[in-house]
Amino acid sequence: FVQELDDKDQALKIHLILHDLPEPYKE
């Protein structure tokens, strides 16, 4: 699902989701 990072909108969504992911999952 992260191979979609070529699409910048999709990448931003993934980054925003990851930013809010709780620890230890994020790390």
mmCIF file of all heavy atoms, coordinates in Angstrom:
data_MODEL
# 
_entry.id   MODEL 
# 
loop_
_atom_site.group_PDB 
_atom_site.id 
_atom_site.type_symbol 
_atom_site.label_atom_id 
_atom_site.label_alt_id 
_atom_site.label_comp_id 
_atom_site.label_asym_id 
_atom_site.label_entity_id 
_atom_site.label_seq_id 
_atom_site.pdbx_PDB_ins_code 
_atom_site.Cartn_x 
_atom_site.Cartn_y 
_atom_site.Cartn_z 
_atom_site.occupancy 
_atom_site.B_iso_or_equiv 
_atom_site.pdbx_formal_charge 
_atom_site.auth_seq_id 
_atom_site.auth_comp_id 
_atom_site.auth_asym_id 
_atom_site.auth_atom_id 
_atom_site.pdbx_PDB_model_num 
ATOM 1   N N   . PHE A 1 1  ? 0.801  -1.216 0.000  1.00 0.00 ? 1  PHE A N   1 
ATOM 2   C CA  . PHE A 1 1  ? 0.000  0.000  0.000  1.00 0.00 ? 1  PHE A CA  1 
ATOM 3   C C   . PHE A 1 1  ? 0.832  1.264  0.000  1.00 0.00 ? 1  PHE A C   1 
ATOM 4   O O   . PHE A 1 1  ? 0.361  2.311  -0.398 1.00 0.00 ? 1  PHE A O   1 
ATOM 5   C CB  . PHE A 1 1  ? -1.012 0.008  1.153  1.00 0.00 ? 1  PHE A CB  1 
ATOM 6   C CG  . PHE A 1 1  ? -0.408 0.150  2.515  1.00 0.00 ? 1  PHE A CG  1 
ATOM 7   C CD1 . PHE A 1 1  ? -0.237 1.383  3.092  1.00 0.00 ? 1  PHE A CD1 1 
ATOM 8   C CD2 . PHE A 1 1  ? -0.030 -0.968 3.223  1.00 0.00 ? 1  PHE A CD2 1 
ATOM 9   C CE1 . PHE A 1 1  ? 0.312  1.511  4.342  1.00 0.00 ? 1  PHE A CE1 1 
ATOM 10  C CE2 . PHE A 1 1  ? 0.511  -0.847 4.475  1.00 0.00 ? 1  PHE A CE2 1 
ATOM 11  C CZ  . PHE A 1 1  ? 0.689  0.393  5.038  1.00 0.00 ? 1  PHE A CZ  1 
ATOM 12  N N   . VAL A 1 2  ? 2.090  1.204  0.387  1.00 0.00 ? 2  VAL A N   1 
ATOM 13  C CA  . VAL A 1 2  ? 2.918  2.397  0.397  1.00 0.00 ? 2  VAL A CA  1 
ATOM 14  C C   . VAL A 1 2  ? 3.609  2.599  -0.952 1.00 0.00 ? 2  VAL A C   1 
ATOM 15  O O   . VAL A 1 2  ? 4.170  3.643  -1.211 1.00 0.00 ? 2  VAL A O   1 
ATOM 16  C CB  . VAL A 1 2  ? 3.929  2.363  1.565  1.00 0.00 ? 2  VAL A CB  1 
ATOM 17  C CG1 . VAL A 1 2  ? 4.734  3.628  1.635  1.00 0.00 ? 2  VAL A CG1 1 
ATOM 18  C CG2 . VAL A 1 2  ? 3.198  2.165  2.878  1.00 0.00 ? 2  VAL A CG2 1 
ATOM 19  N N   . GLN A 1 3  ? 3.517  1.627  -1.843 1.00 0.00 ? 3  GLN A N   1 
ATOM 20  C CA  . GLN A 1 3  ? 4.083  1.801  -3.167 1.00 0.00 ? 3  GLN A CA  1 
ATOM 21  C C   . GLN A 1 3  ? 3.350  2.895  -3.920 1.00 0.00 ? 3  GLN A C   1 
ATOM 22  O O   . GLN A 1 3  ? 3.825  3.399  -4.930 1.00 0.00 ? 3  GLN A O   1 
ATOM 23  C CB  . GLN A 1 3  ? 4.046  0.493  -3.952 1.00 0.00 ? 3  GLN A CB  1 
ATOM 24  C CG  . GLN A 1 3  ? 5.067  -0.497 -3.447 1.00 0.00 ? 3  GLN A CG  1 
ATOM 25  C CD  . GLN A 1 3  ? 5.017  -1.796 -4.209 1.00 0.00 ? 3  GLN A CD  1 
ATOM 26  O OE1 . GLN A 1 3  ? 4.156  -2.017 -5.043 1.00 0.00 ? 3  GLN A OE1 1 
ATOM 27  N NE2 . GLN A 1 3  ? 5.946  -2.684 -3.905 1.00 0.00 ? 3  GLN A NE2 1 
ATOM 28  N N   . GLU A 1 4  ? 2.204  3.288  -3.411 1.00 0.00 ? 4  GLU A N   1 
ATOM 29  C CA  . GLU A 1 4  ? 1.434  4.367  -4.013 1.00 0.00 ? 4  GLU A CA  1 
ATOM 30  C C   . GLU A 1 4  ? 2.046  5.731  -3.716 1.00 0.00 ? 4  GLU A C   1 
ATOM 31  O O   . GLU A 1 4  ? 1.483  6.757  -4.064 1.00 0.00 ? 4  GLU A O   1 
ATOM 32  C CB  . GLU A 1 4  ? -0.009 4.313  -3.501 1.00 0.00 ? 4  GLU A CB  1 
ATOM 33  C CG  . GLU A 1 4  ? -0.698 3.007  -3.814 1.00 0.00 ? 4  GLU A CG  1 
ATOM 34  C CD  . GLU A 1 4  ? -2.036 2.864  -3.115 1.00 0.00 ? 4  GLU A CD  1 
ATOM 35  O OE1 . GLU A 1 4  ? -2.606 3.889  -2.700 1.00 0.00 ? 4  GLU A OE1 1 
ATOM 36  O OE2 . GLU A 1 4  ? -2.495 1.736  -2.981 1.00 0.00 ? 4  GLU A OE2 1 
ATOM 37  N N   . LEU A 1 5  ? 3.214  5.759  -3.090 1.00 0.00 ? 5  LEU A N   1 
ATOM 38  C CA  . LEU A 1 5  ? 3.849  7.025  -2.737 1.00 0.00 ? 5  LEU A CA  1 
ATOM 39  C C   . LEU A 1 5  ? 4.242  7.853  -3.947 1.00 0.00 ? 5  LEU A C   1 
ATOM 40  O O   . LEU A 1 5  ? 4.544  9.031  -3.805 1.00 0.00 ? 5  LEU A O   1 
ATOM 41  C CB  . LEU A 1 5  ? 5.094  6.779  -1.874 1.00 0.00 ? 5  LEU A CB  1 
ATOM 42  C CG  . LEU A 1 5  ? 4.804  6.426  -0.429 1.00 0.00 ? 5  LEU A CG  1 
ATOM 43  C CD1 . LEU A 1 5  ? 6.106  6.113  0.293  1.00 0.00 ? 5  LEU A CD1 1 
ATOM 44  C CD2 . LEU A 1 5  ? 4.082  7.522  0.284  1.00 0.00 ? 5  LEU A CD2 1 
ATOM 45  N N   . ASP A 1 6  ? 4.233  7.247  -5.132 1.00 0.00 ? 6  ASP A N   1 
ATOM 46  C CA  . ASP A 1 6  ? 4.517  8.022  -6.336 1.00 0.00 ? 6  ASP A CA  1 
ATOM 47  C C   . ASP A 1 6  ? 3.476  9.119  -6.508 1.00 0.00 ? 6  ASP A C   1 
ATOM 48  O O   . ASP A 1 6  ? 3.747  10.173 -7.051 1.00 0.00 ? 6  ASP A O   1 
ATOM 49  C CB  . ASP A 1 6  ? 4.541  7.117  -7.565 1.00 0.00 ? 6  ASP A CB  1 
ATOM 50  C CG  . ASP A 1 6  ? 5.677  6.120  -7.509 1.00 0.00 ? 6  ASP A CG  1 
ATOM 51  O OD1 . ASP A 1 6  ? 6.694  6.416  -6.851 1.00 0.00 ? 6  ASP A OD1 1 
ATOM 52  O OD2 . ASP A 1 6  ? 5.549  5.059  -8.141 1.00 0.00 ? 6  ASP A OD2 1 
ATOM 53  N N   . ASP A 1 7  ? 2.274  8.865  -6.038 1.00 0.00 ? 7  ASP A N   1 
ATOM 54  C CA  . ASP A 1 7  ? 1.205  9.843  -6.083 1.00 0.00 ? 7  ASP A CA  1 
ATOM 55  C C   . ASP A 1 7  ? 1.351  10.730 -4.845 1.00 0.00 ? 7  ASP A C   1 
ATOM 56  O O   . ASP A 1 7  ? 1.183  10.282 -3.725 1.00 0.00 ? 7  ASP A O   1 
ATOM 57  C CB  . ASP A 1 7  ? -0.138 9.120  -6.094 1.00 0.00 ? 7  ASP A CB  1 
ATOM 58  C CG  . ASP A 1 7  ? -1.314 10.062 -6.062 1.00 0.00 ? 7  ASP A CG  1 
ATOM 59  O OD1 . ASP A 1 7  ? -1.131 11.286 -6.137 1.00 0.00 ? 7  ASP A OD1 1 
ATOM 60  O OD2 . ASP A 1 7  ? -2.442 9.564  -5.947 1.00 0.00 ? 7  ASP A OD2 1 
ATOM 61  N N   . LYS A 1 8  ? 1.667  12.013 -5.038 1.00 0.00 ? 8  LYS A N   1 
ATOM 62  C CA  . LYS A 1 8  ? 1.963  12.902 -3.909 1.00 0.00 ? 8  LYS A CA  1 
ATOM 63  C C   . LYS A 1 8  ? 0.782  13.071 -2.963 1.00 0.00 ? 8  LYS A C   1 
ATOM 64  O O   . LYS A 1 8  ? 0.972  13.181 -1.756 1.00 0.00 ? 8  LYS A O   1 
ATOM 65  C CB  . LYS A 1 8  ? 2.454  14.250 -4.419 1.00 0.00 ? 8  LYS A CB  1 
ATOM 66  C CG  . LYS A 1 8  ? 3.809  14.161 -5.068 1.00 0.00 ? 8  LYS A CG  1 
ATOM 67  C CD  . LYS A 1 8  ? 4.437  15.507 -5.194 1.00 0.00 ? 8  LYS A CD  1 
ATOM 68  C CE  . LYS A 1 8  ? 5.750  15.399 -5.905 1.00 0.00 ? 8  LYS A CE  1 
ATOM 69  N NZ  . LYS A 1 8  ? 6.866  15.178 -5.043 1.00 0.00 ? 8  LYS A NZ  1 
ATOM 70  N N   . ASP A 1 9  ? -0.441 13.080 -3.475 1.00 0.00 ? 9  ASP A N   1 
ATOM 71  C CA  . ASP A 1 9  ? -1.601 13.188 -2.590 1.00 0.00 ? 9  ASP A CA  1 
ATOM 72  C C   . ASP A 1 9  ? -1.706 11.968 -1.688 1.00 0.00 ? 9  ASP A C   1 
ATOM 73  O O   . ASP A 1 9  ? -1.968 12.087 -0.493 1.00 0.00 ? 9  ASP A O   1 
ATOM 74  C CB  . ASP A 1 9  ? -2.894 13.337 -3.403 1.00 0.00 ? 9  ASP A CB  1 
ATOM 75  C CG  . ASP A 1 9  ? -2.981 14.659 -4.121 1.00 0.00 ? 9  ASP A CG  1 
ATOM 76  O OD1 . ASP A 1 9  ? -2.369 15.641 -3.632 1.00 0.00 ? 9  ASP A OD1 1 
ATOM 77  O OD2 . ASP A 1 9  ? -3.658 14.719 -5.154 1.00 0.00 ? 9  ASP A OD2 1 
ATOM 78  N N   . GLN A 1 10 ? -1.485 10.809 -2.274 1.00 0.00 ? 10 GLN A N   1 
ATOM 79  C CA  . GLN A 1 10 ? -1.529 9.567  -1.509 1.00 0.00 ? 10 GLN A CA  1 
ATOM 80  C C   . GLN A 1 10 ? -0.398 9.555  -0.471 1.00 0.00 ? 10 GLN A C   1 
ATOM 81  O O   . GLN A 1 10 ? -0.586 9.127  0.656  1.00 0.00 ? 10 GLN A O   1 
ATOM 82  C CB  . GLN A 1 10 ? -1.394 8.371  -2.463 1.00 0.00 ? 10 GLN A CB  1 
ATOM 83  C CG  . GLN A 1 10 ? -1.767 7.069  -1.848 1.00 0.00 ? 10 GLN A CG  1 
ATOM 84  C CD  . GLN A 1 10 ? -3.266 6.946  -1.599 1.00 0.00 ? 10 GLN A CD  1 
ATOM 85  O OE1 . GLN A 1 10 ? -4.057 7.811  -1.934 1.00 0.00 ? 10 GLN A OE1 1 
ATOM 86  N NE2 . GLN A 1 10 ? -3.645 5.877  -0.968 1.00 0.00 ? 10 GLN A NE2 1 
ATOM 87  N N   . ALA A 1 11 ? 0.755  10.037 -0.857 1.00 0.00 ? 11 ALA A N   1 
ATOM 88  C CA  . ALA A 1 11 ? 1.889  10.086 0.060  1.00 0.00 ? 11 ALA A CA  1 
ATOM 89  C C   . ALA A 1 11 ? 1.579  10.982 1.253  1.00 0.00 ? 11 ALA A C   1 
ATOM 90  O O   . ALA A 1 11 ? 1.873  10.628 2.393  1.00 0.00 ? 11 ALA A O   1 
ATOM 91  C CB  . ALA A 1 11 ? 3.132  10.595 -0.672 1.00 0.00 ? 11 ALA A CB  1 
ATOM 92  N N   . LEU A 1 12 ? 0.997  12.129 0.992  1.00 0.00 ? 12 LEU A N   1 
ATOM 93  C CA  . LEU A 1 12 ? 0.656  13.040 2.078  1.00 0.00 ? 12 LEU A CA  1 
ATOM 94  C C   . LEU A 1 12 ? -0.326 12.385 3.041  1.00 0.00 ? 12 LEU A C   1 
ATOM 95  O O   . LEU A 1 12 ? -0.183 12.504 4.260  1.00 0.00 ? 12 LEU A O   1 
ATOM 96  C CB  . LEU A 1 12 ? 0.075  14.343 1.524  1.00 0.00 ? 12 LEU A CB  1 
ATOM 97  C CG  . LEU A 1 12 ? -0.330 15.376 2.571  1.00 0.00 ? 12 LEU A CG  1 
ATOM 98  C CD1 . LEU A 1 12 ? 0.876  15.774 3.434  1.00 0.00 ? 12 LEU A CD1 1 
ATOM 99  C CD2 . LEU A 1 12 ? -0.939 16.585 1.904  1.00 0.00 ? 12 LEU A CD2 1 
ATOM 100 N N   . LYS A 1 13 ? -1.309 11.670 2.520  1.00 0.00 ? 13 LYS A N   1 
ATOM 101 C CA  . LYS A 1 13 ? -2.282 10.978 3.377  1.00 0.00 ? 13 LYS A CA  1 
ATOM 102 C C   . LYS A 1 13 ? -1.575 9.968  4.279  1.00 0.00 ? 13 LYS A C   1 
ATOM 103 O O   . LYS A 1 13 ? -1.860 9.878  5.467  1.00 0.00 ? 13 LYS A O   1 
ATOM 104 C CB  . LYS A 1 13 ? -3.332 10.261 2.523  1.00 0.00 ? 13 LYS A CB  1 
ATOM 105 C CG  . LYS A 1 13 ? -4.311 11.185 1.852  1.00 0.00 ? 13 LYS A CG  1 
ATOM 106 C CD  . LYS A 1 13 ? -5.270 10.392 0.983  1.00 0.00 ? 13 LYS A CD  1 
ATOM 107 C CE  . LYS A 1 13 ? -6.128 11.316 0.159  1.00 0.00 ? 13 LYS A CE  1 
ATOM 108 N NZ  . LYS A 1 13 ? -6.996 10.569 -0.777 1.00 0.00 ? 13 LYS A NZ  1 
ATOM 109 N N   . ILE A 1 14 ? -0.664 9.211  3.691  1.00 0.00 ? 14 ILE A N   1 
ATOM 110 C CA  . ILE A 1 14 ? 0.056  8.200  4.474  1.00 0.00 ? 14 ILE A CA  1 
ATOM 111 C C   . ILE A 1 14 ? 0.909  8.871  5.545  1.00 0.00 ? 14 ILE A C   1 
ATOM 112 O O   . ILE A 1 14 ? 0.939  8.440  6.692  1.00 0.00 ? 14 ILE A O   1 
ATOM 113 C CB  . ILE A 1 14 ? 0.917  7.311  3.558  1.00 0.00 ? 14 ILE A CB  1 
ATOM 114 C CG1 . ILE A 1 14 ? 0.009  6.451  2.692  1.00 0.00 ? 14 ILE A CG1 1 
ATOM 115 C CG2 . ILE A 1 14 ? 1.854  6.436  4.378  1.00 0.00 ? 14 ILE A CG2 1 
ATOM 116 C CD1 . ILE A 1 14 ? 0.723  5.705  1.594  1.00 0.00 ? 14 ILE A CD1 1 
ATOM 117 N N   . HIS A 1 15 ? 1.564  9.963  5.195  1.00 0.00 ? 15 HIS A N   1 
ATOM 118 C CA  . HIS A 1 15 ? 2.404  10.660 6.162  1.00 0.00 ? 15 HIS A CA  1 
ATOM 119 C C   . HIS A 1 15 ? 1.575  11.231 7.305  1.00 0.00 ? 15 HIS A C   1 
ATOM 120 O O   . HIS A 1 15 ? 1.986  11.184 8.468  1.00 0.00 ? 15 HIS A O   1 
ATOM 121 C CB  . HIS A 1 15 ? 3.203  11.773 5.483  1.00 0.00 ? 15 HIS A CB  1 
ATOM 122 C CG  . HIS A 1 15 ? 4.219  11.266 4.506  1.00 0.00 ? 15 HIS A CG  1 
ATOM 123 N ND1 . HIS A 1 15 ? 5.097  10.250 4.784  1.00 0.00 ? 15 HIS A ND1 1 
ATOM 124 C CD2 . HIS A 1 15 ? 4.478  11.635 3.234  1.00 0.00 ? 15 HIS A CD2 1 
ATOM 125 C CE1 . HIS A 1 15 ? 5.856  10.017 3.746  1.00 0.00 ? 15 HIS A CE1 1 
ATOM 126 N NE2 . HIS A 1 15 ? 5.503  10.843 2.778  1.00 0.00 ? 15 HIS A NE2 1 
ATOM 127 N N   . LEU A 1 16 ? 0.415  11.776 6.978  1.00 0.00 ? 16 LEU A N   1 
ATOM 128 C CA  . LEU A 1 16 ? -0.457 12.326 8.020  1.00 0.00 ? 16 LEU A CA  1 
ATOM 129 C C   . LEU A 1 16 ? -0.962 11.224 8.951  1.00 0.00 ? 16 LEU A C   1 
ATOM 130 O O   . LEU A 1 16 ? -1.014 11.404 10.165 1.00 0.00 ? 16 LEU A O   1 
ATOM 131 C CB  . LEU A 1 16 ? -1.632 13.083 7.392  1.00 0.00 ? 16 LEU A CB  1 
ATOM 132 C CG  . LEU A 1 16 ? -1.267 14.395 6.704  1.00 0.00 ? 16 LEU A CG  1 
ATOM 133 C CD1 . LEU A 1 16 ? -2.467 14.942 5.935  1.00 0.00 ? 16 LEU A CD1 1 
ATOM 134 C CD2 . LEU A 1 16 ? -0.759 15.412 7.707  1.00 0.00 ? 16 LEU A CD2 1 
ATOM 135 N N   . ILE A 1 17 ? -1.317 10.104 8.373  1.00 0.00 ? 17 ILE A N   1 
ATOM 136 C CA  . ILE A 1 17 ? -1.780 8.972  9.187  1.00 0.00 ? 17 ILE A CA  1 
ATOM 137 C C   . ILE A 1 17 ? -0.646 8.477  10.080 1.00 0.00 ? 17 ILE A C   1 
ATOM 138 O O   . ILE A 1 17 ? -0.834 8.250  11.274 1.00 0.00 ? 17 ILE A O   1 
ATOM 139 C CB  . ILE A 1 17 ? -2.308 7.834  8.286  1.00 0.00 ? 17 ILE A CB  1 
ATOM 140 C CG1 . ILE A 1 17 ? -3.629 8.263  7.627  1.00 0.00 ? 17 ILE A CG1 1 
ATOM 141 C CG2 . ILE A 1 17 ? -2.496 6.551  9.080  1.00 0.00 ? 17 ILE A CG2 1 
ATOM 142 C CD1 . ILE A 1 17 ? -4.080 7.349  6.503  1.00 0.00 ? 17 ILE A CD1 1 
ATOM 143 N N   . LEU A 1 18 ? 0.523  8.337  9.504  1.00 0.00 ? 18 LEU A N   1 
ATOM 144 C CA  . LEU A 1 18 ? 1.670  7.857  10.284 1.00 0.00 ? 18 LEU A CA  1 
ATOM 145 C C   . LEU A 1 18 ? 2.013  8.822  11.410 1.00 0.00 ? 18 LEU A C   1 
ATOM 146 O O   . LEU A 1 18 ? 2.363  8.406  12.512 1.00 0.00 ? 18 LEU A O   1 
ATOM 147 C CB  . LEU A 1 18 ? 2.879  7.655  9.376  1.00 0.00 ? 18 LEU A CB  1 
ATOM 148 C CG  . LEU A 1 18 ? 4.087  7.019  10.065 1.00 0.00 ? 18 LEU A CG  1 
ATOM 149 C CD1 . LEU A 1 18 ? 3.736  5.648  10.606 1.00 0.00 ? 18 LEU A CD1 1 
ATOM 150 C CD2 . LEU A 1 18 ? 5.235  6.920  9.104  1.00 0.00 ? 18 LEU A CD2 1 
ATOM 151 N N   . HIS A 1 19 ? 1.892  10.105 11.146 1.00 0.00 ? 19 HIS A N   1 
ATOM 152 C CA  . HIS A 1 19 ? 2.189  11.113 12.163 1.00 0.00 ? 19 HIS A CA  1 
ATOM 153 C C   . HIS A 1 19 ? 1.321  10.924 13.411 1.00 0.00 ? 19 HIS A C   1 
ATOM 154 O O   . HIS A 1 19 ? 1.781  11.133 14.532 1.00 0.00 ? 19 HIS A O   1 
ATOM 155 C CB  . HIS A 1 19 ? 1.989  12.513 11.584 1.00 0.00 ? 19 HIS A CB  1 
ATOM 156 C CG  . HIS A 1 19 ? 2.254  13.604 12.569 1.00 0.00 ? 19 HIS A CG  1 
ATOM 157 N ND1 . HIS A 1 19 ? 3.534  13.921 12.978 1.00 0.00 ? 19 HIS A ND1 1 
ATOM 158 C CD2 . HIS A 1 19 ? 1.430  14.431 13.238 1.00 0.00 ? 19 HIS A CD2 1 
ATOM 159 C CE1 . HIS A 1 19 ? 3.464  14.899 13.865 1.00 0.00 ? 19 HIS A CE1 1 
ATOM 160 N NE2 . HIS A 1 19 ? 2.209  15.224 14.028 1.00 0.00 ? 19 HIS A NE2 1 
ATOM 161 N N   . ASP A 1 20 ? 0.071  10.523 13.211 1.00 0.00 ? 20 ASP A N   1 
ATOM 162 C CA  . ASP A 1 20 ? -0.856 10.343 14.332 1.00 0.00 ? 20 ASP A CA  1 
ATOM 163 C C   . ASP A 1 20 ? -0.860 8.939  14.910 1.00 0.00 ? 20 ASP A C   1 
ATOM 164 O O   . ASP A 1 20 ? -1.575 8.664  15.867 1.00 0.00 ? 20 ASP A O   1 
ATOM 165 C CB  . ASP A 1 20 ? -2.279 10.710 13.882 1.00 0.00 ? 20 ASP A CB  1 
ATOM 166 C CG  . ASP A 1 20 ? -2.422 12.193 13.609 1.00 0.00 ? 20 ASP A CG  1 
ATOM 167 O OD1 . ASP A 1 20 ? -1.697 12.990 14.241 1.00 0.00 ? 20 ASP A OD1 1 
ATOM 168 O OD2 . ASP A 1 20 ? -3.256 12.559 12.758 1.00 0.00 ? 20 ASP A OD2 1 
ATOM 169 N N   . LEU A 1 21 ? -0.086 8.049  14.332 1.00 0.00 ? 21 LEU A N   1 
ATOM 170 C CA  . LEU A 1 21 ? -0.034 6.676  14.808 1.00 0.00 ? 21 LEU A CA  1 
ATOM 171 C C   . LEU A 1 21 ? 0.612  6.634  16.198 1.00 0.00 ? 21 LEU A C   1 
ATOM 172 O O   . LEU A 1 21 ? 1.626  7.280  16.432 1.00 0.00 ? 21 LEU A O   1 
ATOM 173 C CB  . LEU A 1 21 ? 0.794  5.836  13.829 1.00 0.00 ? 21 LEU A CB  1 
ATOM 174 C CG  . LEU A 1 21 ? 0.531  4.344  13.784 1.00 0.00 ? 21 LEU A CG  1 
ATOM 175 C CD1 . LEU A 1 21 ? -0.905 4.058  13.366 1.00 0.00 ? 21 LEU A CD1 1 
ATOM 176 C CD2 . LEU A 1 21 ? 1.486  3.693  12.796 1.00 0.00 ? 21 LEU A CD2 1 
ATOM 177 N N   . PRO A 1 22 ? 0.013  5.893  17.132 1.00 0.00 ? 22 PRO A N   1 
ATOM 178 C CA  . PRO A 1 22 ? 0.597  5.833  18.483 1.00 0.00 ? 22 PRO A CA  1 
ATOM 179 C C   . PRO A 1 22 ? 1.872  4.992  18.511 1.00 0.00 ? 22 PRO A C   1 
ATOM 180 O O   . PRO A 1 22 ? 2.134  4.189  17.622 1.00 0.00 ? 22 PRO A O   1 
ATOM 181 C CB  . PRO A 1 22 ? -0.515 5.164  19.310 1.00 0.00 ? 22 PRO A CB  1 
ATOM 182 C CG  . PRO A 1 22 ? -1.293 4.356  18.331 1.00 0.00 ? 22 PRO A CG  1 
ATOM 183 C CD  . PRO A 1 22 ? -1.221 5.105  17.020 1.00 0.00 ? 22 PRO A CD  1 
ATOM 184 N N   . GLU A 1 23 ? 2.658  5.214  19.551 1.00 0.00 ? 23 GLU A N   1 
ATOM 185 C CA  . GLU A 1 23 ? 3.859  4.407  19.776 1.00 0.00 ? 23 GLU A CA  1 
ATOM 186 C C   . GLU A 1 23 ? 3.420  3.079  20.377 1.00 0.00 ? 23 GLU A C   1 
ATOM 187 O O   . GLU A 1 23 ? 2.402  3.017  21.045 1.00 0.00 ? 23 GLU A O   1 
ATOM 188 C CB  . GLU A 1 23 ? 4.819  5.126  20.731 1.00 0.00 ? 23 GLU A CB  1 
ATOM 189 C CG  . GLU A 1 23 ? 5.418  6.389  20.168 1.00 0.00 ? 23 GLU A CG  1 
ATOM 190 C CD  . GLU A 1 23 ? 6.315  6.190  18.946 1.00 0.00 ? 23 GLU A CD  1 
ATOM 191 O OE1 . GLU A 1 23 ? 6.699  5.035  18.652 1.00 0.00 ? 23 GLU A OE1 1 
ATOM 192 O OE2 . GLU A 1 23 ? 6.605  7.174  18.285 1.00 0.00 ? 23 GLU A OE2 1 
ATOM 193 N N   . PRO A 1 24 ? 4.090  2.002  20.199 1.00 0.00 ? 24 PRO A N   1 
ATOM 194 C CA  . PRO A 1 24 ? 5.353  1.824  19.493 1.00 0.00 ? 24 PRO A CA  1 
ATOM 195 C C   . PRO A 1 24 ? 5.162  1.577  17.997 1.00 0.00 ? 24 PRO A C   1 
ATOM 196 O O   . PRO A 1 24 ? 6.131  1.379  17.286 1.00 0.00 ? 24 PRO A O   1 
ATOM 197 C CB  . PRO A 1 24 ? 5.953  0.587  20.160 1.00 0.00 ? 24 PRO A CB  1 
ATOM 198 C CG  . PRO A 1 24 ? 4.764  -0.264 20.463 1.00 0.00 ? 24 PRO A CG  1 
ATOM 199 C CD  . PRO A 1 24 ? 3.692  0.739  20.861 1.00 0.00 ? 24 PRO A CD  1 
ATOM 200 N N   . TYR A 1 25 ? 3.898  1.589  17.528 1.00 0.00 ? 25 TYR A N   1 
ATOM 201 C CA  . TYR A 1 25 ? 3.637  1.264  16.129 1.00 0.00 ? 25 TYR A CA  1 
ATOM 202 C C   . TYR A 1 25 ? 4.386  2.184  15.169 1.00 0.00 ? 25 TYR A C   1 
ATOM 203 O O   . TYR A 1 25 ? 4.964  1.736  14.191 1.00 0.00 ? 25 TYR A O   1 
ATOM 204 C CB  . TYR A 1 25 ? 2.130  1.328  15.836 1.00 0.00 ? 25 TYR A CB  1 
ATOM 205 C CG  . TYR A 1 25 ? 1.329  0.428  16.726 1.00 0.00 ? 25 TYR A CG  1 
ATOM 206 C CD1 . TYR A 1 25 ? 0.500  0.943  17.709 1.00 0.00 ? 25 TYR A CD1 1 
ATOM 207 C CD2 . TYR A 1 25 ? 1.423  -0.954 16.606 1.00 0.00 ? 25 TYR A CD2 1 
ATOM 208 C CE1 . TYR A 1 25 ? -0.220 0.109  18.539 1.00 0.00 ? 25 TYR A CE1 1 
ATOM 209 C CE2 . TYR A 1 25 ? 0.703  -1.799 17.437 1.00 0.00 ? 25 TYR A CE2 1 
ATOM 210 C CZ  . TYR A 1 25 ? -0.117 -1.259 18.400 1.00 0.00 ? 25 TYR A CZ  1 
ATOM 211 O OH  . TYR A 1 25 ? -0.818 -2.095 19.224 1.00 0.00 ? 25 TYR A OH  1 
ATOM 212 N N   . LYS A 1 26 ? 4.363  3.484  15.489 1.00 0.00 ? 26 LYS A N   1 
ATOM 213 C CA  . LYS A 1 26 ? 5.012  4.457  14.619 1.00 0.00 ? 26 LYS A CA  1 
ATOM 214 C C   . LYS A 1 26 ? 6.509  4.158  14.488 1.00 0.00 ? 26 LYS A C   1 
ATOM 215 O O   . LYS A 1 26 ? 7.047  4.089  13.391 1.00 0.00 ? 26 LYS A O   1 
ATOM 216 C CB  . LYS A 1 26 ? 4.803  5.865  15.176 1.00 0.00 ? 26 LYS A CB  1 
ATOM 217 C CG  . LYS A 1 26 ? 5.381  6.951  14.317 1.00 0.00 ? 26 LYS A CG  1 
ATOM 218 C CD  . LYS A 1 26 ? 5.346  8.341  14.933 1.00 0.00 ? 26 LYS A CD  1 
ATOM 219 C CE  . LYS A 1 26 ? 4.207  8.640  15.826 1.00 0.00 ? 26 LYS A CE  1 
ATOM 220 N NZ  . LYS A 1 26 ? 4.194  10.018 16.326 1.00 0.00 ? 26 LYS A NZ  1 
ATOM 221 N N   . GLU A 1 27 ? 7.177  3.975  15.607 1.00 0.00 ? 27 GLU A N   1 
ATOM 222 C CA  . GLU A 1 27 ? 8.630  3.780  15.566 1.00 0.00 ? 27 GLU A CA  1 
ATOM 223 C C   . GLU A 1 27 ? 9.005  2.436  14.953 1.00 0.00 ? 27 GLU A C   1 
ATOM 224 O O   . GLU A 1 27 ? 9.951  2.351  14.178 1.00 0.00 ? 27 GLU A O   1 
ATOM 225 C CB  . GLU A 1 27 ? 9.244  3.914  16.954 1.00 0.00 ? 27 GLU A CB  1 
ATOM 226 C CG  . GLU A 1 27 ? 10.750 3.876  16.897 1.00 0.00 ? 27 GLU A CG  1 
ATOM 227 C CD  . GLU A 1 27 ? 11.418 4.181  18.215 1.00 0.00 ? 27 GLU A CD  1 
ATOM 228 O OE1 . GLU A 1 27 ? 10.725 4.489  19.201 1.00 0.00 ? 27 GLU A OE1 1 
ATOM 229 O OE2 . GLU A 1 27 ? 12.655 4.116  18.251 1.00 0.00 ? 27 GLU A OE2 1 
# 
